Amino acid sequence: DERFLSIDVDTVNAVTLDDAKNAVMSQLMPSDIELSLSGDFVVNDVLDMILQYLGTVPADANSEYKVEGKDTTSNNFSGVPALQLPGKHLDLELEDSDPRAVAYVAGAAPNAWGFLADGSTVAQRVSDADKRASDYDKQRRAHPLFANAALSLVSEIANRRLFSTVRERKQLTYDANFSLTGFERMNGGWFLVTV
């Protein structure tokens, strides 16, 4: 599959300056600009510079490069798409100078703040499962950072167990790790186990 290979010289040489310009300029739309500033500055001076340098960019600048039929302003990225069930198994074999193997196991997980793709939260799921929770437990789980802290602990524990079991005790691999990809604004994310 060519997606897993490096770009060959002929493909790179076939790209013209116009191709490169169209690819870059089609992504630079003034309506999509977000500006983040930090440092020690006088706010009014910076606001004057923003007005002078960015405020004068016409709203339709680069519109000739816009890809037809693609409206970037109406994208609704409220959550990670649902996984297909049952899951898929995929084997890829790539030629390599040394014999190697890697295995990935992935699945749905909450985002960084504990929201799952369906909109439910880690705190709700824990509360529903723990019928004997005290008022203190319920108050603690209602804290906005509860899920973030809980997911960090889960990630650390899973990483340590994978490392100690798969690498140290069974000596099956040099590295084994668990990671959570939790988005900030989108509901849901995924976990990834790499061996």
Protein backbone atom coordinates (compact mmCIF):
# COMPACT_ATOMS: atom_id res chain seq x y z
CA ASP A 1 0.00 0.00 0.00
CA GLU A 2 1.58 3.29 -1.14
CA ARG A 3 0.25 5.15 1.92
CA PHE A 4 2.90 3.42 4.05
CA LEU A 5 5.83 4.19 1.79
CA SER A 6 8.03 7.24 1.51
CA ILE A 7 7.24 9.59 -1.36
CA ASP A 8 9.36 8.65 -4.34
CA VAL A 9 11.46 11.16 -6.28
CA ASP A 10 9.25 11.04 -9.40
CA THR A 11 6.14 11.98 -7.38
CA VAL A 12 7.94 14.89 -5.73
CA ASN A 13 9.35 16.08 -9.07
CA ALA A 14 5.87 15.94 -10.60
CA VAL A 15 4.54 18.53 -8.13
CA THR A 16 4.48 21.94 -9.76
CA LEU A 17 4.70 25.30 -8.02
CA ASP A 18 1.02 25.87 -8.83
CA ASP A 19 0.09 22.48 -7.27
CA ALA A 20 1.94 23.38 -4.06
CA LYS A 21 0.50 26.90 -4.00
CA ASN A 22 -3.07 25.62 -4.48
CA ALA A 23 -2.61 23.01 -1.71
CA VAL A 24 -1.37 25.59 0.80
CA MET A 25 -3.54 28.56 -0.16
CA SER A 26 -6.76 26.49 -0.13
CA GLN A 27 -6.22 25.98 3.61
CA LEU A 28 -5.51 29.64 4.44
CA MET A 29 -8.92 31.24 4.70
CA PRO A 30 -9.25 34.47 6.74
CA SER A 31 -12.53 33.28 8.27
CA ASP A 32 -10.61 30.36 9.84
CA ILE A 33 -7.82 32.43 11.41
CA GLU A 34 -7.29 32.03 15.14
CA LEU A 35 -4.69 34.21 16.86
CA SER A 36 -3.09 33.34 20.20
CA LEU A 37 -0.72 35.77 21.90
CA SER A 38 1.32 35.46 25.04
CA GLY A 39 4.06 37.55 26.54
CA ASP A 40 4.76 40.92 28.07
CA PHE A 41 3.15 43.52 25.81
CA VAL A 42 0.86 46.51 25.86
CA VAL A 43 -2.58 45.24 24.89
CA ASN A 44 -3.70 48.38 23.01
CA ASP A 45 -0.50 48.38 20.93
CA VAL A 46 -1.05 44.76 19.95
CA LEU A 47 -4.71 45.39 19.11
CA ASP A 48 -3.64 48.28 16.84
CA MET A 49 -1.13 45.97 15.09
CA ILE A 50 -3.76 43.26 14.65
CA LEU A 51 -6.11 45.77 13.08
CA GLN A 52 -3.34 47.11 10.85
CA TYR A 53 -1.92 43.77 9.66
CA LEU A 54 -4.74 41.23 9.98
CA GLY A 55 -7.85 43.38 10.12
CA THR A 56 -7.15 44.66 6.65
CA VAL A 57 -7.14 41.20 5.05
CA PRO A 58 -10.36 40.97 3.00
CA ALA A 59 -12.77 38.24 4.12
CA ASP A 60 -12.76 36.71 0.63
CA ALA A 61 -8.96 36.61 0.30
CA ASN A 62 -7.78 33.32 -1.23
CA SER A 63 -11.36 32.50 -2.28
CA GLU A 64 -10.09 31.57 -5.74
CA TYR A 65 -8.22 28.67 -4.10
CA LYS A 66 -11.22 27.36 -2.16
CA VAL A 67 -12.14 23.80 -3.03
CA GLU A 68 -15.65 23.76 -4.47
CA GLY A 69 -18.25 21.88 -2.45
CA LYS A 70 -16.17 22.04 0.73
CA ASP A 71 -17.57 24.41 3.32
CA THR A 72 -15.18 24.46 6.28
CA THR A 73 -17.39 26.76 8.36
CA SER A 74 -20.25 24.28 8.71
CA ASN A 75 -18.24 21.27 9.91
CA ASN A 76 -19.74 19.81 13.06
CA PHE A 77 -17.09 17.93 14.98
CA SER A 78 -19.10 17.15 18.08
CA GLY A 79 -17.70 13.67 18.61
CA VAL A 80 -15.48 10.89 17.41
CA PRO A 81 -17.27 8.62 14.89
CA ALA A 82 -18.62 5.39 16.36
CA LEU A 83 -16.55 2.26 15.84
CA GLN A 84 -17.85 -0.49 13.64
CA LEU A 85 -18.84 -3.64 15.48
CA PRO A 86 -17.50 -6.22 15.40
CA GLY A 87 -13.98 -4.82 15.22
CA LYS A 88 -11.64 -5.41 12.32
CA HIS A 89 -8.45 -7.43 12.11
CA LEU A 90 -5.88 -6.26 9.61
CA ASP A 91 -2.50 -7.82 8.78
CA LEU A 92 0.08 -5.78 6.90
CA GLU A 93 3.44 -7.10 5.82
CA LEU A 94 6.07 -4.56 4.82
CA GLU A 95 9.48 -5.53 3.53
CA ASP A 96 12.22 -4.72 6.01
CA SER A 97 15.91 -5.49 6.42
CA ASP A 98 15.33 -7.04 9.86
CA PRO A 99 12.54 -9.31 11.08
CA ARG A 100 10.22 -7.20 13.23
CA ALA A 101 6.63 -7.22 14.34
CA VAL A 102 4.28 -4.72 15.89
CA ALA A 103 0.76 -5.15 17.14
CA TYR A 104 -1.82 -2.48 17.82
CA VAL A 105 -5.07 -2.84 19.71
CA ALA A 106 -7.34 0.20 19.67
CA GLY A 107 -10.82 1.07 20.80
CA ALA A 108 -13.17 3.79 21.97
CA ALA A 109 -12.32 5.88 25.02
CA PRO A 110 -13.40 9.17 26.58
CA ASN A 111 -11.92 12.54 25.69
CA ALA A 112 -9.53 14.38 28.04
CA TRP A 113 -12.44 15.62 30.18
CA GLY A 114 -14.27 12.30 30.42
CA PHE A 115 -16.93 12.70 27.73
CA LEU A 116 -17.58 9.64 25.57
CA ALA A 117 -18.63 9.87 21.94
CA ASP A 118 -22.31 9.37 22.86
CA GLY A 119 -22.22 12.37 25.24
CA SER A 120 -22.23 10.37 28.46
CA THR A 121 -19.41 10.91 30.97
CA VAL A 122 -16.98 8.76 32.90
CA ALA A 123 -18.42 10.18 36.13
CA GLN A 124 -21.94 9.10 35.14
CA ARG A 125 -20.77 5.60 34.24
CA VAL A 126 -18.85 5.23 37.51
CA SER A 127 -21.79 6.55 39.54
CA ASP A 128 -24.23 4.20 37.77
CA ALA A 129 -21.97 1.22 38.48
CA ASP A 130 -21.28 2.11 42.15
CA LYS A 131 -24.63 1.86 43.95
CA ARG A 132 -23.00 2.12 47.39
CA ALA A 133 -21.24 5.46 46.78
CA SER A 134 -21.27 7.88 49.71
CA ASP A 135 -22.19 11.54 49.37
CA TYR A 136 -18.47 12.33 49.53
CA ASP A 137 -17.80 9.93 46.62
CA LYS A 138 -20.57 11.52 44.58
CA GLN A 139 -19.25 15.02 45.31
CA ARG A 140 -15.69 14.01 44.38
CA ARG A 141 -16.81 12.40 41.13
CA ALA A 142 -18.78 15.52 40.20
CA HIS A 143 -15.55 17.57 40.13
CA PRO A 144 -14.74 18.72 36.55
CA LEU A 145 -11.24 17.20 36.73
CA PHE A 146 -12.32 13.83 38.15
CA ALA A 147 -12.34 12.07 34.78
CA ASN A 148 -9.03 13.61 33.72
CA ALA A 149 -7.33 12.43 36.91
CA ALA A 150 -8.98 9.00 36.74
CA LEU A 151 -7.97 8.50 33.10
CA SER A 152 -4.38 9.54 33.89
CA LEU A 153 -4.28 6.90 36.63
CA VAL A 154 -5.75 4.24 34.34
CA SER A 155 -3.19 5.08 31.67
CA GLU A 156 -0.28 4.93 34.13
CA ILE A 157 -1.43 1.65 35.68
CA ALA A 158 -2.03 0.02 32.27
CA ASN A 159 1.40 1.17 31.08
CA ARG A 160 3.17 -0.23 34.14
CA ARG A 161 1.31 -3.55 33.97
CA LEU A 162 2.04 -3.95 30.25
CA PHE A 163 5.70 -3.15 30.76
CA SER A 164 6.18 -5.42 33.76
CA THR A 165 4.18 -8.33 32.33
CA VAL A 166 4.96 -8.31 28.61
CA ARG A 167 8.53 -7.06 28.74
CA GLU A 168 10.02 -7.97 32.10
CA ARG A 169 8.22 -11.16 33.13
CA LYS A 170 7.48 -12.76 29.75
CA GLN A 171 10.33 -11.07 27.83
CA LEU A 172 8.24 -10.94 24.66
CA THR A 173 9.02 -7.44 23.46
CA TYR A 174 11.33 -4.51 23.99
CA ASP A 175 8.49 -2.04 24.44
CA ALA A 176 4.80 -2.20 25.26
CA ASN A 177 2.68 0.83 26.02
CA PHE A 178 -0.85 2.06 26.51
CA SER A 179 -1.98 5.53 25.52
CA LEU A 180 -5.19 7.49 25.56
CA THR A 181 -5.91 10.03 22.85
CA GLY A 182 -8.37 12.35 24.49
CA PHE A 183 -9.44 15.43 22.59
CA GLU A 184 -10.15 18.72 24.32
CA ARG A 185 -13.33 19.79 22.52
CA MET A 186 -14.68 16.72 20.75
CA ASN A 187 -16.56 14.05 22.64
CA GLY A 188 -14.80 10.72 22.69
CA GLY A 189 -11.33 9.54 21.85
CA TRP A 190 -9.54 6.23 21.62
CA PHE A 191 -7.04 4.06 23.43
CA LEU A 192 -4.08 2.41 21.77
CA VAL A 193 -2.03 -0.52 23.02
CA THR A 194 1.25 -0.98 21.15
CA VAL A 195 3.38 -4.11 21.48
